[in-house]
Structures are given as structure tokens and as C-alpha cells.
């Protein structure tokens, strides 16, 4: 098929545009890399470093020669793995319980939980709670308080409500209790939901690197 001059001009402009977009997206990463391999003097002397004049790996030697780097990485991995699993377990258990209409005080508990989505107790009550729970100066203070997510809880409860009650009734006729039903029926049917929340939770915990700076 013979292409017109207009088509060729459009393709050329299109290619130039996407090349420019790629350079714009790559530049921040390149800037971080070049900044990391220059000394302090060159860093303050040259506001824009496309390529370092005197490359040096002193910054990397300093980082990897300290045991704090490995300790910080281990803390981040531990908090991410344990925090994600803990959050899934707590939210799924609470959502499954609140999805049952026969639970005593269900409406009040749901109202109380939903209220915390819009209003918090404040910094001072939060500090007093952490102190009374003996979580201060421990790694668990980065995991336990953030276990419950009202948004995740609400979505899980809505999803559990859509699971046919006939499945649970059949399981109860076979002698299964609520814990068995939760782990053998409800959670396997909710794997896509759990995987989504696990991904979001893990990324959120991993990116909260300011928390790890306190340990």
C-alpha cells in the first residue's frame, strides 16, 4: 500500500513524540543514578548532572559497609510480609462475622466501625492506646495498629454477602463449624479479592519507609 506524504509526516511526528515521552520518563531515574555516583562538591556545584565529571562509588561503599542497610531491609521485608498477612486475616475474619445478620449488636458494631472511617480519635488518644498496649519501642507497633482497614473490611463484607447461603448451610449439615466454613469455603471463593488487597496492602506497607526509620 502506497503511503502518502501526510501519513509519513504523521508517523515521523508520532515517533518523535513517543521518543520525547520516553526520555522524559527515563530522565528522573537517570538523574538519581548520576547523582549517586558523584561526590558532594560536584553535587552542589552542578545543579544539572547529565554525566558526572569524576564518577565515584563512595556513596555505595558507605551504604553497603553499614549493617543498618541490611537491618533496614530485613525490617521492611518482615513488616511487609507479616503486616499483609495479618491485615488479610483480621479484615477477613471481621468481615465474615459482620456479614451474618444473626450476630448480636451487628448494626451498632457496623456503625461504630464505619464511624472511624470519617473521624479519628486524634494523635494523643492514639499514643495513649499504643502505650497501654505495651507496643512502644517494638516492631509490632508498625503492624498491629494498622491491621484493620475499614475500606477493605467494608468491601470484603459486601463480597461475603454475595456468597450463596446454601453453600454454608450444606457445609453445616456435614458438621462444619464457622471457622471451617471460613477457611474451606469462603476464603477459597474470595481468592481474587484477597489477592487484590494483599497486593495493595503490601505495596502500601513497603512504601511507608518512614516507619522503618524509627527502628
N, C-alpha and C. Protein backbone atom coordinates (compact mmCIF):
# COMPACT_ATOMS: atom_id res chain seq x y z
N UNK A 1 0.85 -1.18 0.00
CA UNK A 1 0.00 0.00 0.00
C UNK A 1 0.90 1.24 0.00
N UNK A 2 0.65 2.11 -0.95
CA UNK A 2 1.45 3.33 -1.05
C UNK A 2 0.98 4.34 -0.02
N UNK A 3 1.93 4.83 0.78
CA UNK A 3 1.60 5.79 1.83
C UNK A 3 1.82 7.20 1.33
N UNK A 4 0.93 8.06 1.74
CA UNK A 4 1.02 9.45 1.31
C UNK A 4 2.06 10.20 2.15
N UNK A 5 2.41 11.39 1.67
CA UNK A 5 3.37 12.21 2.41
C UNK A 5 2.81 12.59 3.78
N UNK A 6 1.51 12.82 3.83
CA UNK A 6 0.88 13.17 5.11
C UNK A 6 1.01 12.03 6.12
N UNK A 7 0.83 10.77 5.66
CA UNK A 7 0.98 9.63 6.57
C UNK A 7 2.41 9.52 7.09
N UNK A 8 3.37 9.75 6.22
CA UNK A 8 4.76 9.67 6.65
C UNK A 8 5.10 10.77 7.64
N UNK A 9 4.59 11.96 7.40
CA UNK A 9 4.83 13.06 8.34
C UNK A 9 4.19 12.76 9.68
N UNK A 10 2.99 12.19 9.64
CA UNK A 10 2.32 11.83 10.89
C UNK A 10 3.11 10.77 11.66
N UNK A 11 3.59 9.74 10.95
CA UNK A 11 4.39 8.69 11.60
C UNK A 11 5.67 9.28 12.19
N UNK A 12 6.30 10.18 11.46
CA UNK A 12 7.53 10.79 11.96
C UNK A 12 7.27 11.61 13.23
N UNK A 13 6.22 12.40 13.22
CA UNK A 13 5.87 13.19 14.41
C UNK A 13 5.48 12.29 15.57
N UNK A 14 4.79 11.21 15.25
CA UNK A 14 4.38 10.26 16.29
C UNK A 14 5.59 9.62 16.96
N UNK A 15 6.55 9.19 16.14
CA UNK A 15 7.76 8.57 16.69
C UNK A 15 8.55 9.58 17.53
N UNK A 16 8.68 10.79 17.04
CA UNK A 16 9.40 11.83 17.79
C UNK A 16 8.72 12.12 19.12
N UNK A 17 7.39 12.13 19.10
CA UNK A 17 6.65 12.41 20.34
C UNK A 17 6.88 11.32 21.38
N UNK A 18 6.82 10.06 20.96
CA UNK A 18 6.99 8.96 21.92
C UNK A 18 8.44 8.86 22.38
N UNK A 19 9.38 9.20 21.52
CA UNK A 19 10.78 9.23 21.96
C UNK A 19 10.96 10.30 23.03
N UNK A 20 10.35 11.46 22.81
CA UNK A 20 10.43 12.53 23.82
C UNK A 20 9.79 12.10 25.13
N UNK A 21 8.64 11.42 25.06
CA UNK A 21 7.98 10.95 26.27
C UNK A 21 8.85 9.93 27.01
N UNK A 22 9.51 9.06 26.27
CA UNK A 22 10.39 8.07 26.90
C UNK A 22 11.56 8.75 27.60
N UNK A 23 12.13 9.76 26.97
CA UNK A 23 13.24 10.48 27.59
C UNK A 23 12.80 11.20 28.85
N UNK A 24 11.59 11.77 28.80
CA UNK A 24 11.08 12.46 29.99
C UNK A 24 10.87 11.49 31.15
N UNK A 25 10.39 10.28 30.84
CA UNK A 25 10.15 9.30 31.90
C UNK A 25 11.44 8.65 32.40
N UNK A 26 12.42 8.53 31.53
CA UNK A 26 13.69 7.90 31.92
C UNK A 26 14.59 8.86 32.69
N UNK A 27 14.47 10.15 32.40
CA UNK A 27 15.39 11.12 32.99
C UNK A 27 15.41 11.10 34.52
N UNK A 28 14.26 11.04 35.23
CA UNK A 28 14.34 11.01 36.70
C UNK A 28 15.19 9.86 37.23
N UNK A 29 15.06 8.69 36.62
CA UNK A 29 15.87 7.55 37.06
C UNK A 29 17.35 7.79 36.75
N UNK A 30 17.61 8.34 35.58
CA UNK A 30 18.99 8.65 35.22
C UNK A 30 19.59 9.70 36.14
N UNK A 31 18.79 10.69 36.51
CA UNK A 31 19.26 11.75 37.40
C UNK A 31 19.61 11.19 38.78
N UNK A 32 18.78 10.28 39.28
CA UNK A 32 19.07 9.66 40.57
C UNK A 32 20.36 8.87 40.51
N UNK A 33 20.56 8.14 39.41
CA UNK A 33 21.77 7.34 39.27
C UNK A 33 23.02 8.22 39.19
N UNK A 34 22.99 9.24 38.33
CA UNK A 34 24.17 10.10 38.20
C UNK A 34 24.46 10.87 39.48
N UNK A 35 23.42 11.25 40.19
CA UNK A 35 23.63 11.95 41.46
C UNK A 35 24.28 11.04 42.49
N UNK A 36 23.98 9.75 42.41
CA UNK A 36 24.52 8.82 43.41
C UNK A 36 25.99 8.49 43.18
N UNK A 37 26.54 8.82 42.01
CA UNK A 37 27.94 8.46 41.74
C UNK A 37 28.83 9.70 41.61
N UNK A 38 28.44 10.79 42.26
CA UNK A 38 29.28 11.99 42.31
C UNK A 38 29.55 12.32 43.76
N UNK A 39 30.64 13.08 44.00
CA UNK A 39 30.93 13.49 45.37
C UNK A 39 30.09 14.70 45.74
N UNK A 40 30.18 15.09 47.00
CA UNK A 40 29.32 16.17 47.50
C UNK A 40 29.63 17.49 46.80
N UNK A 41 30.93 17.75 46.55
CA UNK A 41 31.31 19.01 45.92
C UNK A 41 30.69 19.18 44.54
N UNK A 42 30.78 18.14 43.72
CA UNK A 42 30.21 18.22 42.39
C UNK A 42 28.69 18.30 42.43
N UNK A 43 28.11 17.67 43.42
CA UNK A 43 26.65 17.70 43.55
C UNK A 43 26.15 19.12 43.78
N UNK A 44 26.82 19.87 44.65
CA UNK A 44 26.40 21.24 44.92
C UNK A 44 26.88 22.22 43.85
N UNK A 45 27.92 21.86 43.11
CA UNK A 45 28.46 22.77 42.11
C UNK A 45 27.68 22.71 40.80
N UNK A 46 27.11 21.54 40.49
CA UNK A 46 26.40 21.37 39.23
C UNK A 46 24.94 21.02 39.50
N UNK A 47 24.04 21.97 39.30
CA UNK A 47 22.62 21.68 39.56
C UNK A 47 22.03 20.64 38.60
N UNK A 48 22.60 20.55 37.41
CA UNK A 48 22.11 19.59 36.42
C UNK A 48 23.27 18.70 36.00
N UNK A 49 23.18 17.41 36.35
CA UNK A 49 24.27 16.47 36.09
C UNK A 49 23.78 15.45 35.07
N UNK A 50 24.15 15.66 33.81
CA UNK A 50 23.80 14.68 32.79
C UNK A 50 24.77 13.51 32.83
N UNK A 51 26.05 13.81 33.10
CA UNK A 51 27.06 12.78 33.27
C UNK A 51 28.11 13.28 34.25
N UNK A 52 28.49 12.54 35.26
CA UNK A 52 29.45 13.05 36.27
C UNK A 52 30.84 13.26 35.69
N UNK A 53 31.49 14.30 36.20
CA UNK A 53 32.86 14.58 35.76
C UNK A 53 33.84 13.57 36.34
N UNK A 54 33.68 13.27 37.61
CA UNK A 54 34.56 12.31 38.29
C UNK A 54 33.69 11.29 39.03
N UNK A 55 33.29 10.24 38.34
CA UNK A 55 32.42 9.25 39.00
C UNK A 55 33.12 8.60 40.20
N UNK A 56 32.33 8.35 41.24
CA UNK A 56 32.84 7.70 42.43
C UNK A 56 31.76 6.82 43.03
N UNK A 57 32.19 5.74 43.65
CA UNK A 57 31.25 4.81 44.29
C UNK A 57 31.30 4.91 45.80
N UNK A 58 31.76 6.04 46.32
CA UNK A 58 31.88 6.20 47.77
C UNK A 58 30.53 6.09 48.48
N UNK A 59 29.49 6.61 47.85
CA UNK A 59 28.17 6.54 48.47
C UNK A 59 27.71 5.10 48.63
N UNK A 60 27.95 4.28 47.60
CA UNK A 60 27.55 2.87 47.66
C UNK A 60 28.42 2.11 48.66
N UNK A 61 29.70 2.46 48.73
CA UNK A 61 30.57 1.80 49.72
C UNK A 61 30.11 2.13 51.13
N UNK A 62 29.70 3.37 51.36
CA UNK A 62 29.22 3.76 52.69
C UNK A 62 27.94 3.03 53.05
N UNK A 63 27.04 2.89 52.08
CA UNK A 63 25.76 2.24 52.35
C UNK A 63 25.96 0.76 52.67
N UNK A 64 26.72 0.07 51.84
CA UNK A 64 26.84 -1.38 51.99
C UNK A 64 27.87 -1.78 53.05
N UNK A 65 28.64 -0.84 53.54
CA UNK A 65 29.56 -1.14 54.63
C UNK A 65 28.90 -1.04 55.99
N UNK A 66 27.69 -0.51 56.03
CA UNK A 66 26.97 -0.36 57.30
C UNK A 66 25.96 -1.48 57.46
N UNK A 67 25.87 -2.02 58.66
CA UNK A 67 24.90 -3.08 58.93
C UNK A 67 23.48 -2.54 59.02
N UNK A 68 23.32 -1.23 59.07
CA UNK A 68 21.99 -0.64 59.14
C UNK A 68 21.22 -0.86 57.85
N UNK A 69 21.94 -0.98 56.72
CA UNK A 69 21.27 -1.22 55.45
C UNK A 69 20.58 -2.59 55.44
N UNK A 70 21.32 -3.61 55.84
CA UNK A 70 20.73 -4.95 55.90
C UNK A 70 19.64 -5.03 56.95
N UNK A 71 19.85 -4.36 58.07
CA UNK A 71 18.83 -4.36 59.13
C UNK A 71 17.55 -3.67 58.64
N UNK A 72 17.71 -2.54 57.97
CA UNK A 72 16.54 -1.84 57.46
C UNK A 72 15.79 -2.66 56.42
N UNK A 73 16.54 -3.35 55.54
CA UNK A 73 15.90 -4.18 54.53
C UNK A 73 15.15 -5.34 55.18
N UNK A 74 15.75 -5.95 56.19
CA UNK A 74 15.10 -7.07 56.88
C UNK A 74 13.82 -6.60 57.58
N UNK A 75 13.88 -5.42 58.19
CA UNK A 75 12.69 -4.88 58.86
C UNK A 75 11.58 -4.62 57.85
N UNK A 76 11.95 -4.06 56.70
CA UNK A 76 10.95 -3.77 55.67
C UNK A 76 10.29 -5.06 55.17
N UNK A 77 11.10 -6.09 54.93
CA UNK A 77 10.54 -7.37 54.46
C UNK A 77 9.63 -7.98 55.52
N UNK A 78 10.07 -7.96 56.77
CA UNK A 78 9.28 -8.55 57.86
C UNK A 78 7.95 -7.83 58.01
N UNK A 79 8.00 -6.49 58.04
CA UNK A 79 6.77 -5.72 58.22
C UNK A 79 5.82 -5.93 57.03
N UNK A 80 6.37 -6.00 55.83
CA UNK A 80 5.52 -6.17 54.64
C UNK A 80 4.84 -7.53 54.65
N UNK A 81 5.60 -8.59 54.90
CA UNK A 81 5.03 -9.93 54.85
C UNK A 81 4.05 -10.15 56.00
N UNK A 82 4.51 -9.90 57.21
CA UNK A 82 3.66 -10.15 58.39
C UNK A 82 2.48 -9.18 58.42
N UNK A 83 2.72 -7.92 58.10
CA UNK A 83 1.65 -6.93 58.11
C UNK A 83 0.57 -7.24 57.10
N UNK A 84 0.97 -7.68 55.91
CA UNK A 84 0.00 -8.02 54.88
C UNK A 84 -0.85 -9.22 55.29
N UNK A 85 -0.20 -10.28 55.76
CA UNK A 85 -0.94 -11.47 56.19
C UNK A 85 -1.83 -11.17 57.38
N UNK A 86 -1.32 -10.38 58.33
CA UNK A 86 -2.11 -10.02 59.50
C UNK A 86 -3.34 -9.20 59.11
N UNK A 87 -3.15 -8.24 58.20
CA UNK A 87 -4.26 -7.42 57.76
C UNK A 87 -5.33 -8.24 57.05
N UNK A 88 -4.90 -9.15 56.18
CA UNK A 88 -5.88 -10.01 55.49
C UNK A 88 -6.65 -10.87 56.48
N UNK A 89 -5.94 -11.44 57.44
CA UNK A 89 -6.58 -12.33 58.40
C UNK A 89 -7.61 -11.58 59.25
N UNK A 90 -7.22 -10.42 59.77
CA UNK A 90 -8.11 -9.66 60.65
C UNK A 90 -9.31 -9.14 59.89
N UNK A 91 -9.07 -8.54 58.73
CA UNK A 91 -10.17 -7.97 57.97
C UNK A 91 -11.14 -9.04 57.47
N UNK A 92 -10.58 -10.18 57.01
CA UNK A 92 -11.44 -11.25 56.52
C UNK A 92 -12.28 -11.84 57.65
N UNK A 93 -11.69 -12.05 58.81
CA UNK A 93 -12.43 -12.61 59.94
C UNK A 93 -13.53 -11.66 60.39
N UNK A 94 -13.21 -10.36 60.50
CA UNK A 94 -14.22 -9.39 60.93
C UNK A 94 -15.31 -9.24 59.89
N UNK A 95 -14.94 -9.21 58.61
CA UNK A 95 -15.94 -9.07 57.56
C UNK A 95 -16.87 -10.28 57.50
N UNK A 96 -16.32 -11.47 57.69
CA UNK A 96 -17.16 -12.67 57.66
C UNK A 96 -18.14 -12.67 58.83
N UNK A 97 -17.67 -12.26 60.00
CA UNK A 97 -18.56 -12.21 61.16
C UNK A 97 -19.67 -11.19 60.96
N UNK A 98 -19.32 -10.01 60.43
CA UNK A 98 -20.32 -8.96 60.27
C UNK A 98 -21.23 -9.18 59.06
N UNK A 99 -20.90 -10.15 58.23
CA UNK A 99 -21.79 -10.47 57.11
C UNK A 99 -22.97 -11.34 57.53
N UNK A 100 -22.94 -11.81 58.78
CA UNK A 100 -24.01 -12.65 59.31
C UNK A 100 -25.03 -11.78 60.05
N UNK A 101 -26.27 -11.82 59.61
CA UNK A 101 -27.29 -10.95 60.18
C UNK A 101 -27.71 -11.36 61.58
N UNK A 102 -27.38 -12.59 61.97
CA UNK A 102 -27.80 -13.06 63.30
C UNK A 102 -26.82 -12.69 64.40
N UNK A 103 -25.73 -12.01 64.08
CA UNK A 103 -24.75 -11.62 65.09
C UNK A 103 -25.35 -10.56 66.00
N UNK A 104 -25.33 -10.74 67.33
CA UNK A 104 -25.91 -9.75 68.25
C UNK A 104 -25.18 -8.41 68.15
N UNK A 105 -25.95 -7.32 68.10
CA UNK A 105 -25.37 -5.98 68.05
C UNK A 105 -24.69 -5.67 66.73
N UNK A 106 -25.06 -6.35 65.67
CA UNK A 106 -24.39 -6.20 64.37
C UNK A 106 -24.48 -4.78 63.85
N UNK A 107 -25.67 -4.19 63.90
CA UNK A 107 -25.85 -2.84 63.36
C UNK A 107 -25.01 -1.81 64.12
N UNK A 108 -24.97 -1.95 65.43
CA UNK A 108 -24.19 -0.99 66.23
C UNK A 108 -22.69 -1.15 65.94
N UNK A 109 -22.23 -2.38 65.82
CA UNK A 109 -20.81 -2.62 65.54
C UNK A 109 -20.44 -2.07 64.16
N UNK A 110 -21.30 -2.29 63.16
CA UNK A 110 -21.03 -1.76 61.83
C UNK A 110 -21.02 -0.24 61.84
N UNK A 111 -21.94 0.37 62.56
CA UNK A 111 -21.97 1.82 62.67
C UNK A 111 -20.71 2.34 63.36
N UNK A 112 -20.29 1.65 64.38
CA UNK A 112 -19.09 2.05 65.12
C UNK A 112 -17.84 1.94 64.23
N UNK A 113 -17.76 0.87 63.47
CA UNK A 113 -16.60 0.69 62.58
C UNK A 113 -16.62 1.73 61.46
N UNK A 114 -17.79 1.94 60.87
CA UNK A 114 -17.89 2.92 59.78
C UNK A 114 -17.59 4.33 60.27
N UNK A 115 -17.94 4.64 61.49
CA UNK A 115 -17.69 5.97 62.07
C UNK A 115 -16.21 6.29 62.08
N UNK A 116 -15.39 5.28 62.31
CA UNK A 116 -13.94 5.51 62.37
C UNK A 116 -13.34 5.80 60.99
N UNK A 117 -14.09 5.53 59.93
CA UNK A 117 -13.59 5.85 58.59
C UNK A 117 -13.58 7.36 58.35
N UNK A 118 -14.48 8.08 59.02
CA UNK A 118 -14.61 9.52 58.80
C UNK A 118 -14.04 10.35 59.95
N UNK A 119 -13.99 9.79 61.15
CA UNK A 119 -13.50 10.53 62.31
C UNK A 119 -12.50 9.67 63.07
N UNK A 120 -11.36 10.24 63.39
CA UNK A 120 -10.34 9.52 64.17
C UNK A 120 -10.29 10.08 65.59
N UNK A 121 -9.68 9.31 66.48
CA UNK A 121 -9.59 9.75 67.87
C UNK A 121 -8.57 10.84 68.10
N UNK A 122 -7.64 11.00 67.16
CA UNK A 122 -6.62 12.02 67.34
C UNK A 122 -5.29 11.42 67.73
N UNK A 123 -4.26 12.25 67.72
CA UNK A 123 -2.91 11.78 67.96
C UNK A 123 -2.70 11.37 69.42
N UNK A 124 -3.20 12.16 70.36
CA UNK A 124 -2.96 11.87 71.78
C UNK A 124 -3.65 10.57 72.21
N UNK A 125 -4.93 10.35 71.89
CA UNK A 125 -5.53 9.05 72.24
C UNK A 125 -4.83 7.87 71.57
N UNK A 126 -4.34 8.09 70.34
CA UNK A 126 -3.62 7.02 69.66
C UNK A 126 -2.33 6.69 70.40
N UNK A 127 -1.63 7.72 70.85
CA UNK A 127 -0.40 7.49 71.62
C UNK A 127 -0.70 6.76 72.93
N UNK A 128 -1.77 7.17 73.62
CA UNK A 128 -2.12 6.52 74.88
C UNK A 128 -2.49 5.05 74.66
N UNK A 129 -3.16 4.77 73.55
CA UNK A 129 -3.53 3.39 73.24
C UNK A 129 -2.28 2.55 73.00
N UNK A 130 -1.35 3.08 72.20
CA UNK A 130 -0.11 2.35 71.93
C UNK A 130 0.67 2.11 73.22
N UNK A 131 0.70 3.10 74.08
CA UNK A 131 1.42 2.95 75.35
C UNK A 131 0.76 1.90 76.24
N UNK A 132 -0.56 1.91 76.33
CA UNK A 132 -1.26 0.96 77.19
C UNK A 132 -1.17 -0.47 76.64
N UNK A 133 -1.04 -0.60 75.34
CA UNK A 133 -0.89 -1.93 74.74
C UNK A 133 0.55 -2.45 74.79
N UNK A 134 1.44 -1.67 75.37
CA UNK A 134 2.86 -2.05 75.51
C UNK A 134 3.52 -2.28 74.15
N UNK A 135 3.15 -1.46 73.18
CA UNK A 135 3.71 -1.61 71.84
C UNK A 135 4.83 -0.62 71.55
N UNK A 136 5.08 0.27 72.45
CA UNK A 136 6.10 1.28 72.22
C UNK A 136 7.49 0.63 72.16
N UNK A 137 8.31 1.14 71.22
CA UNK A 137 9.68 0.65 71.02
C UNK A 137 9.73 -0.83 70.62
N UNK A 138 8.68 -1.28 69.95
CA UNK A 138 8.67 -2.64 69.42
C UNK A 138 8.31 -2.59 67.94
N UNK A 139 8.66 -3.63 67.22
CA UNK A 139 8.36 -3.68 65.80
C UNK A 139 6.87 -3.89 65.55
N UNK A 140 6.16 -4.40 66.56
CA UNK A 140 4.73 -4.68 66.39
C UNK A 140 3.90 -3.42 66.31
N UNK A 141 4.45 -2.29 66.73
CA UNK A 141 3.70 -1.04 66.64
C UNK A 141 3.51 -0.63 65.17
N UNK A 142 4.32 -1.18 64.27
CA UNK A 142 4.19 -0.90 62.85
C UNK A 142 3.24 -1.88 62.15
N UNK A 143 2.76 -2.89 62.89
CA UNK A 143 1.92 -3.93 62.29
C UNK A 143 0.52 -3.96 62.89
N UNK A 144 0.45 -4.05 64.20
CA UNK A 144 -0.84 -4.27 64.88
C UNK A 144 -1.82 -3.12 64.69
N UNK A 145 -1.44 -1.85 64.92
CA UNK A 145 -2.44 -0.78 64.81
C UNK A 145 -3.02 -0.63 63.41
N UNK A 146 -2.25 -0.93 62.38
CA UNK A 146 -2.75 -0.77 61.02
C UNK A 146 -3.37 -2.01 60.43
N UNK A 147 -3.67 -2.99 61.26
CA UNK A 147 -4.22 -4.25 60.76
C UNK A 147 -5.61 -4.10 60.16
N UNK A 148 -6.45 -3.31 60.81
CA UNK A 148 -7.82 -3.13 60.34
C UNK A 148 -7.88 -1.97 59.36
N UNK A 149 -8.42 -2.23 58.20
CA UNK A 149 -8.71 -1.19 57.22
C UNK A 149 -10.21 -1.19 56.99
N UNK A 150 -10.86 -0.10 57.35
CA UNK A 150 -12.32 -0.05 57.27
C UNK A 150 -12.79 -0.21 55.83
N UNK A 151 -12.03 0.35 54.89
CA UNK A 151 -12.41 0.21 53.48
C UNK A 151 -12.33 -1.25 53.04
N UNK A 152 -11.20 -1.90 53.35
CA UNK A 152 -11.08 -3.32 52.99
C UNK A 152 -12.14 -4.16 53.68
N UNK A 153 -12.40 -3.85 54.94
CA UNK A 153 -13.43 -4.57 55.70
C UNK A 153 -14.79 -4.43 55.04
N UNK A 154 -15.14 -3.22 54.61
CA UNK A 154 -16.45 -2.98 54.00
C UNK A 154 -16.59 -3.72 52.68
N UNK A 155 -15.54 -3.68 51.86
CA UNK A 155 -15.60 -4.36 50.57
C UNK A 155 -15.68 -5.87 50.77
N UNK A 156 -14.90 -6.41 51.71
CA UNK A 156 -14.94 -7.84 51.98
C UNK A 156 -16.32 -8.27 52.47
N UNK A 157 -16.90 -7.47 53.36
CA UNK A 157 -18.22 -7.82 53.88
C UNK A 157 -19.25 -7.84 52.76
N UNK A 158 -19.18 -6.88 51.87
CA UNK A 158 -20.12 -6.85 50.75
C UNK A 158 -19.92 -8.06 49.84
N UNK A 159 -18.67 -8.46 49.65
CA UNK A 159 -18.38 -9.63 48.81
C UNK A 159 -18.89 -10.90 49.48
N UNK A 160 -18.67 -11.04 50.78
CA UNK A 160 -19.13 -12.23 51.51
C UNK A 160 -20.66 -12.33 51.51
N UNK A 161 -21.33 -11.18 51.49
CA UNK A 161 -22.80 -11.20 51.46
C UNK A 161 -23.33 -11.80 50.18
N UNK A 162 -22.53 -11.75 49.10
CA UNK A 162 -22.98 -12.26 47.81
C UNK A 162 -22.77 -13.77 47.66
N UNK A 163 -22.05 -14.37 48.58
CA UNK A 163 -21.84 -15.82 48.51
C UNK A 163 -23.14 -16.53 48.91
N UNK A 164 -23.62 -17.44 48.11
CA UNK A 164 -24.91 -18.11 48.42
C UNK A 164 -24.88 -18.77 49.80
N UNK A 165 -25.95 -18.55 50.54
CA UNK A 165 -26.05 -19.14 51.87
C UNK A 165 -26.20 -20.66 51.80
N UNK A 166 -26.65 -21.16 50.66
CA UNK A 166 -26.84 -22.60 50.52
C UNK A 166 -25.51 -23.36 50.67
N UNK A 167 -24.41 -22.74 50.26
CA UNK A 167 -23.11 -23.39 50.41
C UNK A 167 -22.79 -23.59 51.89
N UNK A 168 -23.01 -22.56 52.69
CA UNK A 168 -22.72 -22.66 54.11
C UNK A 168 -23.70 -23.61 54.81
N UNK A 169 -24.94 -23.57 54.39
CA UNK A 169 -25.92 -24.48 55.00
C UNK A 169 -25.58 -25.93 54.71
N UNK A 170 -25.11 -26.20 53.50
CA UNK A 170 -24.71 -27.57 53.16
C UNK A 170 -23.51 -28.00 53.98
N UNK A 171 -22.58 -27.07 54.19
CA UNK A 171 -21.41 -27.40 55.00
C UNK A 171 -21.79 -27.66 56.45
N UNK A 172 -22.75 -26.88 56.97
CA UNK A 172 -23.18 -27.09 58.35
C UNK A 172 -23.88 -28.44 58.51
N UNK A 173 -24.62 -28.85 57.48
CA UNK A 173 -25.27 -30.17 57.54
C UNK A 173 -24.24 -31.29 57.60
N UNK A 174 -23.05 -31.03 57.03
CA UNK A 174 -21.97 -32.02 57.06
C UNK A 174 -21.12 -31.91 58.32
N UNK A 175 -21.51 -31.01 59.23
CA UNK A 175 -20.81 -30.90 60.51
C UNK A 175 -19.74 -29.84 60.57
N UNK A 176 -19.64 -28.96 59.58
CA UNK A 176 -18.62 -27.91 59.58
C UNK A 176 -19.05 -26.76 60.47
N UNK A 177 -18.09 -26.20 61.20
CA UNK A 177 -18.37 -25.02 62.02
C UNK A 177 -18.02 -23.76 61.24
N UNK A 178 -18.16 -22.60 61.88
CA UNK A 178 -17.93 -21.33 61.18
C UNK A 178 -16.48 -21.17 60.74
N UNK A 179 -15.53 -21.63 61.55
CA UNK A 179 -14.12 -21.50 61.18
C UNK A 179 -13.81 -22.36 59.96
N UNK A 180 -14.34 -23.57 59.95
CA UNK A 180 -14.13 -24.46 58.80
C UNK A 180 -14.75 -23.87 57.54
N UNK A 181 -15.95 -23.32 57.68
CA UNK A 181 -16.63 -22.71 56.52
C UNK A 181 -15.81 -21.53 56.00
N UNK A 182 -15.27 -20.73 56.91
CA UNK A 182 -14.49 -19.57 56.50
C UNK A 182 -13.25 -19.98 55.71
N UNK A 183 -12.50 -20.97 56.22
CA UNK A 183 -11.23 -21.33 55.60
C UNK A 183 -11.38 -22.33 54.45
N UNK A 184 -12.46 -23.11 54.45
CA UNK A 184 -12.61 -24.14 53.42
C UNK A 184 -13.54 -23.72 52.28
N UNK A 185 -14.40 -22.74 52.52
CA UNK A 185 -15.38 -22.36 51.50
C UNK A 185 -15.27 -20.88 51.13
N UNK A 186 -15.40 -20.01 52.14
CA UNK A 186 -15.49 -18.57 51.86
C UNK A 186 -14.18 -18.02 51.31
N UNK A 187 -13.08 -18.28 52.00
CA UNK A 187 -11.80 -17.72 51.54
C UNK A 187 -11.35 -18.28 50.19
N UNK A 188 -11.48 -19.59 49.93
CA UNK A 188 -11.13 -20.06 48.58
C UNK A 188 -11.95 -19.40 47.47
N UNK A 189 -13.21 -19.08 47.75
CA UNK A 189 -14.03 -18.40 46.75
C UNK A 189 -13.66 -16.92 46.62
N UNK A 190 -12.91 -16.41 47.57
CA UNK A 190 -12.56 -14.99 47.59
C UNK A 190 -11.10 -14.74 47.24
N UNK A 191 -10.44 -15.69 46.61
CA UNK A 191 -9.02 -15.54 46.29
C UNK A 191 -8.71 -14.31 45.44
N UNK A 192 -9.51 -14.00 44.40
CA UNK A 192 -9.21 -12.77 43.64
C UNK A 192 -9.27 -11.51 44.50
N UNK A 193 -10.27 -11.46 45.39
CA UNK A 193 -10.40 -10.31 46.29
C UNK A 193 -9.22 -10.23 47.25
N UNK A 194 -8.86 -11.37 47.82
CA UNK A 194 -7.74 -11.39 48.77
C UNK A 194 -6.42 -11.04 48.08
N UNK A 195 -6.24 -11.53 46.86
CA UNK A 195 -5.01 -11.22 46.13
C UNK A 195 -4.90 -9.72 45.85
N UNK A 196 -6.01 -9.10 45.52
CA UNK A 196 -6.01 -7.66 45.25
C UNK A 196 -5.65 -6.86 46.49
N UNK A 197 -6.29 -7.19 47.60
CA UNK A 197 -5.99 -6.48 48.84
C UNK A 197 -4.59 -6.78 49.34
N UNK A 198 -4.12 -7.99 49.10
CA UNK A 198 -2.74 -8.33 49.50
C UNK A 198 -1.75 -7.49 48.71
N UNK A 199 -1.99 -7.32 47.43
CA UNK A 199 -1.10 -6.51 46.59
C UNK A 199 -1.10 -5.06 47.04
N UNK A 200 -2.28 -4.47 47.21
CA UNK A 200 -2.37 -3.09 47.64
C UNK A 200 -1.76 -2.89 49.03
N UNK A 201 -2.06 -3.84 49.93
CA UNK A 201 -1.52 -3.73 51.28
C UNK A 201 -0.01 -3.84 51.33
N UNK A 202 0.53 -4.80 50.57
CA UNK A 202 1.99 -4.99 50.56
C UNK A 202 2.70 -3.78 50.00
N UNK A 203 2.18 -3.23 48.90
CA UNK A 203 2.80 -2.04 48.30
C UNK A 203 2.72 -0.85 49.26
N UNK A 204 1.58 -0.69 49.91
CA UNK A 204 1.44 0.42 50.85
C UNK A 204 2.39 0.31 52.04
N UNK A 205 2.52 -0.89 52.58
CA UNK A 205 3.42 -1.08 53.72
C UNK A 205 4.87 -0.91 53.29
N UNK A 206 5.21 -1.46 52.13
CA UNK A 206 6.59 -1.37 51.66
C UNK A 206 7.00 0.08 51.39
N UNK A 207 6.07 0.88 50.89
CA UNK A 207 6.38 2.27 50.57
C UNK A 207 6.40 3.18 51.79
N UNK A 208 5.88 2.72 52.92
CA UNK A 208 5.89 3.55 54.14
C UNK A 208 7.24 3.40 54.84
N UNK A 209 8.30 3.81 54.14
CA UNK A 209 9.65 3.60 54.66
C UNK A 209 9.97 4.53 55.80
N UNK A 210 9.18 5.59 56.02
CA UNK A 210 9.42 6.47 57.16
C UNK A 210 9.21 5.71 58.46
N UNK A 211 8.29 4.74 58.46
CA UNK A 211 8.04 3.98 59.68
C UNK A 211 9.27 3.19 60.10
N UNK A 212 9.95 2.58 59.13
CA UNK A 212 11.13 1.79 59.45
C UNK A 212 12.28 2.61 59.96
N UNK A 213 12.28 3.93 59.69
CA UNK A 213 13.37 4.78 60.16
C UNK A 213 13.36 4.92 61.68
N UNK A 214 12.24 4.55 62.32
CA UNK A 214 12.16 4.72 63.76
C UNK A 214 12.76 3.54 64.51
N UNK A 215 13.14 2.47 63.83
CA UNK A 215 13.66 1.27 64.50
C UNK A 215 15.16 1.20 64.37
